[in-house]
Amino acid sequence: MILGGVSRVLLIEDDPAVREGLELALTRHGHRVRAVESGEQGLDRLRTDLPDVVVLDLMLPGIDGFEVCRRIRAARELPIIMLTARGDDMDVVAGLEAGADDYVVKPVQPRVLDARIRAVLRRLGRDQAELERHGDLTIDRASLVVVRHGVPVSLAPTELRLLLELSGTPGRVHSRQQLLESVWEHGYFGDSRLVDACVQRLRAKIEDDSAAPVYVQTVRGFGYRFGPV
């Protein structure tokens, strides 16, 4: 992934006007965009292309965006930014639970989408260091590899970034707003549901019992902390 150069964006959007407008705008912002009009075409394209990030409309004909997101996440650990036509709580939560890393509500402002794309790519490109062991969990910050009980754990980009952020200061409580700013790079108006949904997905992968977490713990009324284990 070339963070300082041209990023490769796969745009999956069925509305021709929106698709063409975003393709043009993102190209002007310095991205290399491949645009397709359906979930089926997007999944086919992923068999041959290696994009850096997927921008995915949720309300697609045929295979909808939720199912496309789940299929992408089952096969590859690409950053996924979903586009939703409304700020409906159920759509947003369902998209995040399907594995999306972030979302933008339509009508999309190209500069906002560009900022979200660059933020998610920066999160992947930050230099890390050291090998850490926390109970049965090993985190290699140099190679960005997480191992649990001796078996590598497949984490989505934002799940990995959240784990790195929390585990960097074990025992420290992070508010949702702090995590939005450090992990998602959202400002004051960030959506805390991004954090909660990502925590749920992360727990499902690294905890023995996600209902009684050892690593990513909830501090009621404040936020989350890592350990102590």
C-alpha atoms as a PDB file:
ATOM      1  CA  MET A   1       0.000   0.000   0.000  1.00  0.00           C
ATOM      2  CA  ILE A   2       1.434   3.356  -1.057  1.00  0.00           C
ATOM      3  CA  LEU A   3       0.243   5.903   1.482  1.00  0.00           C
ATOM      4  CA  GLY A   4       2.204   8.795   0.099  1.00  0.00           C
ATOM      5  CA  GLY A   5       1.200   8.114  -3.508  1.00  0.00           C
ATOM      6  CA  VAL A   6      -1.926   7.113  -5.374  1.00  0.00           C
ATOM      7  CA  SER A   7      -4.374   4.947  -3.479  1.00  0.00           C
ATOM      8  CA  ARG A   8      -6.503   2.409  -5.322  1.00  0.00           C
ATOM      9  CA  VAL A   9     -10.210   2.671  -4.590  1.00  0.00           C
ATOM     10  CA  LEU A  10     -12.882   0.180  -5.598  1.00  0.00           C
ATOM     11  CA  LEU A  11     -16.200   2.069  -5.702  1.00  0.00           C
ATOM     12  CA  ILE A  12     -19.367  -0.069  -5.708  1.00  0.00           C
ATOM     13  CA  GLU A  13     -22.394   2.164  -6.375  1.00  0.00           C
ATOM     14  CA  ASP A  14     -25.472   1.441  -8.494  1.00  0.00           C
ATOM     15  CA  ASP A  15     -26.683   5.033  -9.027  1.00  0.00           C
ATOM     16  CA  PRO A  16     -24.991   6.222 -12.270  1.00  0.00           C
ATOM     17  CA  ALA A  17     -24.965   9.908 -11.291  1.00  0.00           C
ATOM     18  CA  VAL A  18     -23.511   9.234  -7.845  1.00  0.00           C
ATOM     19  CA  ARG A  19     -21.022   6.710  -9.202  1.00  0.00           C
ATOM     20  CA  GLU A  20     -19.736   8.965 -11.952  1.00  0.00           C
ATOM     21  CA  GLY A  21     -19.632  12.015  -9.683  1.00  0.00           C
ATOM     22  CA  LEU A  22     -17.662  10.245  -6.963  1.00  0.00           C
ATOM     23  CA  GLU A  23     -15.333   8.610  -9.459  1.00  0.00           C
ATOM     24  CA  LEU A  24     -14.501  11.994 -10.951  1.00  0.00           C
ATOM     25  CA  ALA A  25     -14.183  13.756  -7.583  1.00  0.00           C
ATOM     26  CA  LEU A  26     -11.994  11.066  -6.000  1.00  0.00           C
ATOM     27  CA  THR A  27      -9.781  11.004  -9.093  1.00  0.00           C
ATOM     28  CA  ARG A  28      -9.332  14.757  -8.737  1.00  0.00           C
ATOM     29  CA  HIS A  29      -8.365  14.177  -5.096  1.00  0.00           C
ATOM     30  CA  GLY A  30      -5.528  11.936  -6.258  1.00  0.00           C
ATOM     31  CA  HIS A  31      -7.053   8.452  -5.998  1.00  0.00           C
ATOM     32  CA  ARG A  32      -7.109   5.810  -8.714  1.00  0.00           C
ATOM     33  CA  VAL A  33     -10.732   4.692  -8.876  1.00  0.00           C
ATOM     34  CA  ARG A  34     -12.280   1.567 -10.335  1.00  0.00           C
ATOM     35  CA  ALA A  35     -16.085   1.972 -10.303  1.00  0.00           C
ATOM     36  CA  VAL A  36     -18.657  -0.808 -10.714  1.00  0.00           C
ATOM     37  CA  GLU A  37     -22.444  -0.752 -10.480  1.00  0.00           C
ATOM     38  CA  SER A  38     -23.339  -3.912  -8.547  1.00  0.00           C
ATOM     39  CA  GLY A  39     -22.220  -6.117  -5.709  1.00  0.00           C
ATOM     40  CA  GLU A  40     -21.661  -8.987  -8.126  1.00  0.00           C
ATOM     41  CA  GLN A  41     -19.330  -6.874 -10.261  1.00  0.00           C
ATOM     42  CA  GLY A  42     -17.506  -5.660  -7.181  1.00  0.00           C
ATOM     43  CA  LEU A  43     -16.873  -9.190  -5.914  1.00  0.00           C
ATOM     44  CA  ASP A  44     -15.713 -10.256  -9.394  1.00  0.00           C
ATOM     45  CA  ARG A  45     -13.349  -7.280  -9.543  1.00  0.00           C
ATOM     46  CA  LEU A  46     -11.827  -8.218  -6.186  1.00  0.00           C
ATOM     47  CA  ARG A  47     -10.790 -11.572  -7.639  1.00  0.00           C
ATOM     48  CA  THR A  48      -8.372  -9.813  -9.975  1.00  0.00           C
ATOM     49  CA  ASP A  49      -7.730  -6.348  -8.518  1.00  0.00           C
ATOM     50  CA  LEU A  50      -5.931  -5.379  -5.319  1.00  0.00           C
ATOM     51  CA  PRO A  51      -7.531  -2.126  -4.130  1.00  0.00           C
ATOM     52  CA  ASP A  52      -6.344  -0.350  -1.011  1.00  0.00           C
ATOM     53  CA  VAL A  53      -9.891   0.461   0.120  1.00  0.00           C
ATOM     54  CA  VAL A  54     -13.464  -0.387  -0.863  1.00  0.00           C
ATOM     55  CA  VAL A  55     -16.195   2.270  -0.921  1.00  0.00           C
ATOM     56  CA  LEU A  56     -19.466   0.369  -0.804  1.00  0.00           C
ATOM     57  CA  ASP A  57     -23.070   1.512  -1.190  1.00  0.00           C
ATOM     58  CA  LEU A  58     -25.328  -0.447   1.152  1.00  0.00           C
ATOM     59  CA  MET A  59     -28.523  -0.287  -0.906  1.00  0.00           C
ATOM     60  CA  LEU A  60     -27.485  -2.266  -3.992  1.00  0.00           C
ATOM     61  CA  PRO A  61     -29.778  -4.333  -6.240  1.00  0.00           C
ATOM     62  CA  GLY A  62     -29.151  -8.078  -6.251  1.00  0.00           C
ATOM     63  CA  ILE A  63     -26.496  -8.790  -3.632  1.00  0.00           C
ATOM     64  CA  ASP A  64     -26.887  -5.879  -1.224  1.00  0.00           C
ATOM     65  CA  GLY A  65     -24.062  -3.997   0.411  1.00  0.00           C
ATOM     66  CA  PHE A  66     -24.383  -5.828   3.719  1.00  0.00           C
ATOM     67  CA  GLU A  67     -23.798  -9.206   2.059  1.00  0.00           C
ATOM     68  CA  VAL A  68     -21.006  -7.816  -0.118  1.00  0.00           C
ATOM     69  CA  CYS A  69     -19.331  -6.475   3.028  1.00  0.00           C
ATOM     70  CA  ARG A  70     -19.606  -9.839   4.765  1.00  0.00           C
ATOM     71  CA  ARG A  71     -18.160 -11.675   1.753  1.00  0.00           C
ATOM     72  CA  ILE A  72     -15.260  -9.261   1.434  1.00  0.00           C
ATOM     73  CA  ARG A  73     -14.508  -9.495   5.131  1.00  0.00           C
ATOM     74  CA  ALA A  74     -14.651 -13.312   5.060  1.00  0.00           C
ATOM     75  CA  ALA A  75     -12.060 -13.439   2.286  1.00  0.00           C
ATOM     76  CA  ARG A  76      -9.831 -10.382   2.737  1.00  0.00           C
ATOM     77  CA  GLU A  77      -8.892  -7.763   5.298  1.00  0.00           C
ATOM     78  CA  LEU A  78      -9.487  -4.643   3.233  1.00  0.00           C
ATOM     79  CA  PRO A  79     -10.680  -1.346   4.710  1.00  0.00           C
ATOM     80  CA  ILE A  80     -14.367  -0.871   3.841  1.00  0.00           C
ATOM     81  CA  ILE A  81     -16.183   2.464   3.933  1.00  0.00           C
ATOM     82  CA  MET A  82     -19.930   2.124   3.463  1.00  0.00           C
ATOM     83  CA  LEU A  83     -22.261   4.679   1.917  1.00  0.00           C
ATOM     84  CA  THR A  84     -25.768   4.870   3.330  1.00  0.00           C
ATOM     85  CA  ALA A  85     -28.652   6.908   1.960  1.00  0.00           C
ATOM     86  CA  ARG A  86     -29.831   7.745   5.426  1.00  0.00           C
ATOM     87  CA  GLY A  87     -28.457   7.915   8.939  1.00  0.00           C
ATOM     88  CA  ASP A  88     -30.775   5.108  10.000  1.00  0.00           C
ATOM     89  CA  ASP A  89     -29.484   3.477  13.172  1.00  0.00           C
ATOM     90  CA  MET A  90     -30.300  -0.055  12.025  1.00  0.00           C
ATOM     91  CA  ASP A  91     -28.543   0.386   8.668  1.00  0.00           C
ATOM     92  CA  VAL A  92     -25.450   1.848  10.288  1.00  0.00           C
ATOM     93  CA  VAL A  93     -25.219  -0.788  13.012  1.00  0.00           C
ATOM     94  CA  ALA A  94     -25.898  -3.640  10.567  1.00  0.00           C
ATOM     95  CA  GLY A  95     -23.183  -2.336   8.255  1.00  0.00           C
ATOM     96  CA  LEU A  96     -20.662  -2.050  11.048  1.00  0.00           C
ATOM     97  CA  GLU A  97     -21.525  -5.514  12.315  1.00  0.00           C
ATOM     98  CA  ALA A  98     -21.036  -6.849   8.780  1.00  0.00           C
ATOM     99  CA  GLY A  99     -17.446  -5.617   9.014  1.00  0.00           C
ATOM    100  CA  ALA A 100     -17.355  -2.061   7.655  1.00  0.00           C
ATOM    101  CA  ASP A 101     -14.641   0.180   9.103  1.00  0.00           C
ATOM    102  CA  ASP A 102     -16.424   3.497   8.655  1.00  0.00           C
ATOM    103  CA  TYR A 103     -19.448   5.065   6.976  1.00  0.00           C
ATOM    104  CA  VAL A 104     -20.518   8.215   5.171  1.00  0.00           C
ATOM    105  CA  VAL A 105     -24.147   9.342   4.826  1.00  0.00           C
ATOM    106  CA  LYS A 106     -25.469  10.402   1.424  1.00  0.00           C
ATOM    107  CA  PRO A 107     -25.467  12.852  -0.206  1.00  0.00           C
ATOM    108  CA  VAL A 108     -21.728  12.318  -0.043  1.00  0.00           C
ATOM    109  CA  GLN A 109     -19.426  15.308   0.091  1.00  0.00           C
ATOM    110  CA  PRO A 110     -16.330  14.220  -1.866  1.00  0.00           C
ATOM    111  CA  ARG A 111     -13.936  16.011   0.496  1.00  0.00           C
ATOM    112  CA  VAL A 112     -15.450  14.115   3.441  1.00  0.00           C
ATOM    113  CA  LEU A 113     -15.126  10.774   1.678  1.00  0.00           C
ATOM    114  CA  ASP A 114     -11.572  11.648   0.623  1.00  0.00           C
ATOM    115  CA  ALA A 115     -10.707  12.463   4.250  1.00  0.00           C
ATOM    116  CA  ARG A 116     -12.189   9.172   5.468  1.00  0.00           C
ATOM    117  CA  ILE A 117     -10.256   7.201   2.845  1.00  0.00           C
ATOM    118  CA  ARG A 118      -6.990   8.902   3.746  1.00  0.00           C
ATOM    119  CA  ALA A 119      -7.648   8.395   7.454  1.00  0.00           C
ATOM    120  CA  VAL A 120      -8.259   4.669   7.142  1.00  0.00           C
ATOM    121  CA  LEU A 121      -5.110   4.283   5.024  1.00  0.00           C
ATOM    122  CA  ARG A 122      -3.024   6.317   7.480  1.00  0.00           C
ATOM    123  CA  ARG A 123      -4.157   4.026  10.273  1.00  0.00           C
ATOM    124  CA  LEU A 124      -2.702   1.074   8.381  1.00  0.00           C
ATOM    125  CA  GLY A 125       0.543   2.831   7.527  1.00  0.00           C
ATOM    126  CA  ARG A 126       1.705   4.084  10.899  1.00  0.00           C
ATOM    127  CA  ASP A 127       4.994   2.642  12.068  1.00  0.00           C
ATOM    128  CA  GLN A 128       4.787   0.220  14.967  1.00  0.00           C
ATOM    129  CA  ALA A 129       7.468  -1.476  17.087  1.00  0.00           C
ATOM    130  CA  GLU A 130       8.037  -4.274  19.602  1.00  0.00           C
ATOM    131  CA  LEU A 131       6.593  -7.686  20.352  1.00  0.00           C
ATOM    132  CA  GLU A 132       4.099  -7.708  23.215  1.00  0.00           C
ATOM    133  CA  ARG A 133       2.655 -10.618  25.182  1.00  0.00           C
ATOM    134  CA  HIS A 134      -0.563 -10.251  27.130  1.00  0.00           C
ATOM    135  CA  GLY A 135      -1.677 -13.562  28.607  1.00  0.00           C
ATOM    136  CA  ASP A 136      -2.329 -15.883  25.651  1.00  0.00           C
ATOM    137  CA  LEU A 137      -2.298 -12.977  23.211  1.00  0.00           C
ATOM    138  CA  THR A 138       0.849 -11.914  21.343  1.00  0.00           C
ATOM    139  CA  ILE A 139       0.976  -8.644  19.388  1.00  0.00           C
ATOM    140  CA  ASP A 140       3.802  -7.984  16.946  1.00  0.00           C
ATOM    141  CA  ARG A 141       3.623  -4.266  16.258  1.00  0.00           C
ATOM    142  CA  ALA A 142       6.358  -4.369  13.620  1.00  0.00           C
ATOM    143  CA  SER A 143       4.683  -6.946  11.382  1.00  0.00           C
ATOM    144  CA  LEU A 144       1.140  -6.164  12.555  1.00  0.00           C
ATOM    145  CA  VAL A 145       0.506  -9.804  13.443  1.00  0.00           C
ATOM    146  CA  VAL A 146      -1.712 -10.914  16.329  1.00  0.00           C
ATOM    147  CA  VAL A 147      -1.479 -14.460  17.656  1.00  0.00           C
ATOM    148  CA  ARG A 148      -3.881 -16.073  20.135  1.00  0.00           C
ATOM    149  CA  HIS A 149      -3.125 -19.463  21.694  1.00  0.00           C
ATOM    150  CA  GLY A 150      -0.363 -19.831  19.109  1.00  0.00           C
ATOM    151  CA  VAL A 151      -2.725 -19.300  16.161  1.00  0.00           C
ATOM    152  CA  PRO A 152      -2.675 -16.126  14.009  1.00  0.00           C
ATOM    153  CA  VAL A 153      -5.818 -14.020  14.338  1.00  0.00           C
ATOM    154  CA  SER A 154      -7.287 -12.418  11.224  1.00  0.00           C
ATOM    155  CA  LEU A 155      -8.298  -8.849  12.104  1.00  0.00           C
ATOM    156  CA  ALA A 156      -9.862  -6.194   9.913  1.00  0.00           C
ATOM    157  CA  PRO A 157      -7.760  -3.006   9.654  1.00  0.00           C
ATOM    158  CA  THR A 158      -9.806  -0.992  12.132  1.00  0.00           C
ATOM    159  CA  GLU A 159     -10.019  -3.908  14.567  1.00  0.00           C
ATOM    160  CA  LEU A 160      -6.223  -4.131  14.484  1.00  0.00           C
ATOM    161  CA  ARG A 161      -5.796  -0.396  14.950  1.00  0.00           C
ATOM    162  CA  LEU A 162      -8.197  -0.433  17.915  1.00  0.00           C
ATOM    163  CA  LEU A 163      -6.315  -3.313  19.515  1.00  0.00           C
ATOM    164  CA  LEU A 164      -2.985  -1.542  19.013  1.00  0.00           C
ATOM    165  CA  GLU A 165      -4.363   1.659  20.522  1.00  0.00           C
ATOM    166  CA  LEU A 166      -5.824  -0.021  23.618  1.00  0.00           C
ATOM    167  CA  SER A 167      -2.958  -2.449  24.224  1.00  0.00           C
ATOM    168  CA  GLY A 168      -0.394   0.338  23.967  1.00  0.00           C
ATOM    169  CA  THR A 169      -1.416   1.559  27.430  1.00  0.00           C
ATOM    170  CA  PRO A 170      -2.735  -1.422  29.431  1.00  0.00           C
ATOM    171  CA  GLY A 171      -5.052  -0.427  32.267  1.00  0.00           C
ATOM    172  CA  ARG A 172      -5.694   3.054  30.929  1.00  0.00           C
ATOM    173  CA  VAL A 173      -9.342   3.940  30.286  1.00  0.00           C
ATOM    174  CA  HIS A 174     -10.075   5.353  26.825  1.00  0.00           C
ATOM    175  CA  SER A 175     -13.329   7.199  26.250  1.00  0.00           C
ATOM    176  CA  ARG A 176     -15.239   6.516  23.064  1.00  0.00           C
ATOM    177  CA  GLN A 177     -14.462  10.036  21.903  1.00  0.00           C
ATOM    178  CA  GLN A 178     -10.740   9.519  22.466  1.00  0.00           C
ATOM    179  CA  LEU A 179     -10.875   6.314  20.447  1.00  0.00           C
ATOM    180  CA  LEU A 180     -12.806   8.003  17.650  1.00  0.00           C
ATOM    181  CA  GLU A 181     -10.093  10.636  17.419  1.00  0.00           C
ATOM    182  CA  SER A 182      -7.106   8.290  17.671  1.00  0.00           C
ATOM    183  CA  VAL A 183      -8.361   5.248  15.741  1.00  0.00           C
ATOM    184  CA  TRP A 184     -10.917   6.668  13.298  1.00  0.00           C
ATOM    185  CA  GLU A 185      -9.495  10.220  13.224  1.00  0.00           C
ATOM    186  CA  HIS A 186     -12.992  11.644  13.593  1.00  0.00           C
ATOM    187  CA  GLY A 187     -13.564  14.973  15.271  1.00  0.00           C
ATOM    188  CA  TYR A 188     -16.155  16.040  17.792  1.00  0.00           C
ATOM    189  CA  PHE A 189     -19.110  14.772  15.744  1.00  0.00           C
ATOM    190  CA  GLY A 190     -17.852  11.206  15.398  1.00  0.00           C
ATOM    191  CA  ASP A 191     -20.314   8.382  15.947  1.00  0.00           C
ATOM    192  CA  SER A 192     -19.626   6.292  19.058  1.00  0.00           C
ATOM    193  CA  ARG A 193     -21.388   3.326  17.442  1.00  0.00           C
ATOM    194  CA  LEU A 194     -18.265   2.858  15.328  1.00  0.00           C
ATOM    195  CA  VAL A 195     -16.345   2.126  18.512  1.00  0.00           C
ATOM    196  CA  ASP A 196     -18.923  -0.186  20.101  1.00  0.00           C
ATOM    197  CA  ALA A 197     -19.416  -2.255  16.955  1.00  0.00           C
ATOM    198  CA  CYS A 198     -15.667  -2.614  16.419  1.00  0.00           C
ATOM    199  CA  VAL A 199     -15.180  -3.648  20.054  1.00  0.00           C
ATOM    200  CA  GLN A 200     -17.799  -6.377  19.624  1.00  0.00           C
ATOM    201  CA  ARG A 201     -16.097  -7.735  16.525  1.00  0.00           C
ATOM    202  CA  LEU A 202     -12.660  -7.584  18.147  1.00  0.00           C
ATOM    203  CA  ARG A 203     -13.838  -9.404  21.263  1.00  0.00           C
ATOM    204  CA  ALA A 204     -15.346 -12.172  19.153  1.00  0.00           C
ATOM    205  CA  LYS A 205     -11.882 -12.822  17.713  1.00  0.00           C
ATOM    206  CA  ILE A 206      -9.513 -12.444  20.674  1.00  0.00           C
ATOM    207  CA  GLU A 207     -11.544 -13.319  23.765  1.00  0.00           C
ATOM    208  CA  ASP A 208     -12.288 -16.842  25.011  1.00  0.00           C
ATOM    209  CA  ASP A 209     -15.685 -15.558  26.102  1.00  0.00           C
ATOM    210  CA  SER A 210     -16.750 -12.274  24.515  1.00  0.00           C
ATOM    211  CA  ALA A 211     -19.477 -11.923  27.163  1.00  0.00           C
ATOM    212  CA  ALA A 212     -16.799 -11.907  29.883  1.00  0.00           C
ATOM    213  CA  PRO A 213     -13.871 -10.147  28.189  1.00  0.00           C
ATOM    214  CA  VAL A 214     -10.377 -10.315  29.645  1.00  0.00           C
ATOM    215  CA  TYR A 215      -8.536  -8.129  27.139  1.00  0.00           C
ATOM    216  CA  VAL A 216     -10.947  -5.430  25.960  1.00  0.00           C
ATOM    217  CA  GLN A 217     -12.885  -4.473  29.070  1.00  0.00           C
ATOM    218  CA  THR A 218     -15.795  -2.079  29.428  1.00  0.00           C
ATOM    219  CA  VAL A 219     -15.565   0.621  32.076  1.00  0.00           C
ATOM    220  CA  ARG A 220     -19.206   1.574  32.481  1.00  0.00           C
ATOM    221  CA  GLY A 221     -19.917   5.230  32.023  1.00  0.00           C
ATOM    222  CA  PHE A 222     -16.400   5.919  30.702  1.00  0.00           C
ATOM    223  CA  GLY A 223     -15.290   3.686  27.825  1.00  0.00           C
ATOM    224  CA  TYR A 224     -12.845   0.815  27.371  1.00  0.00           C
ATOM    225  CA  ARG A 225      -9.478  -0.361  28.634  1.00  0.00           C
ATOM    226  CA  PHE A 226      -7.073  -3.175  27.828  1.00  0.00           C
ATOM    227  CA  GLY A 227      -6.538  -5.653  30.632  1.00  0.00           C
ATOM    228  CA  PRO A 228      -4.863  -5.964  32.978  1.00  0.00           C
ATOM    229  CA  VAL A 229      -4.584  -9.648  32.154  1.00  0.00           C
END
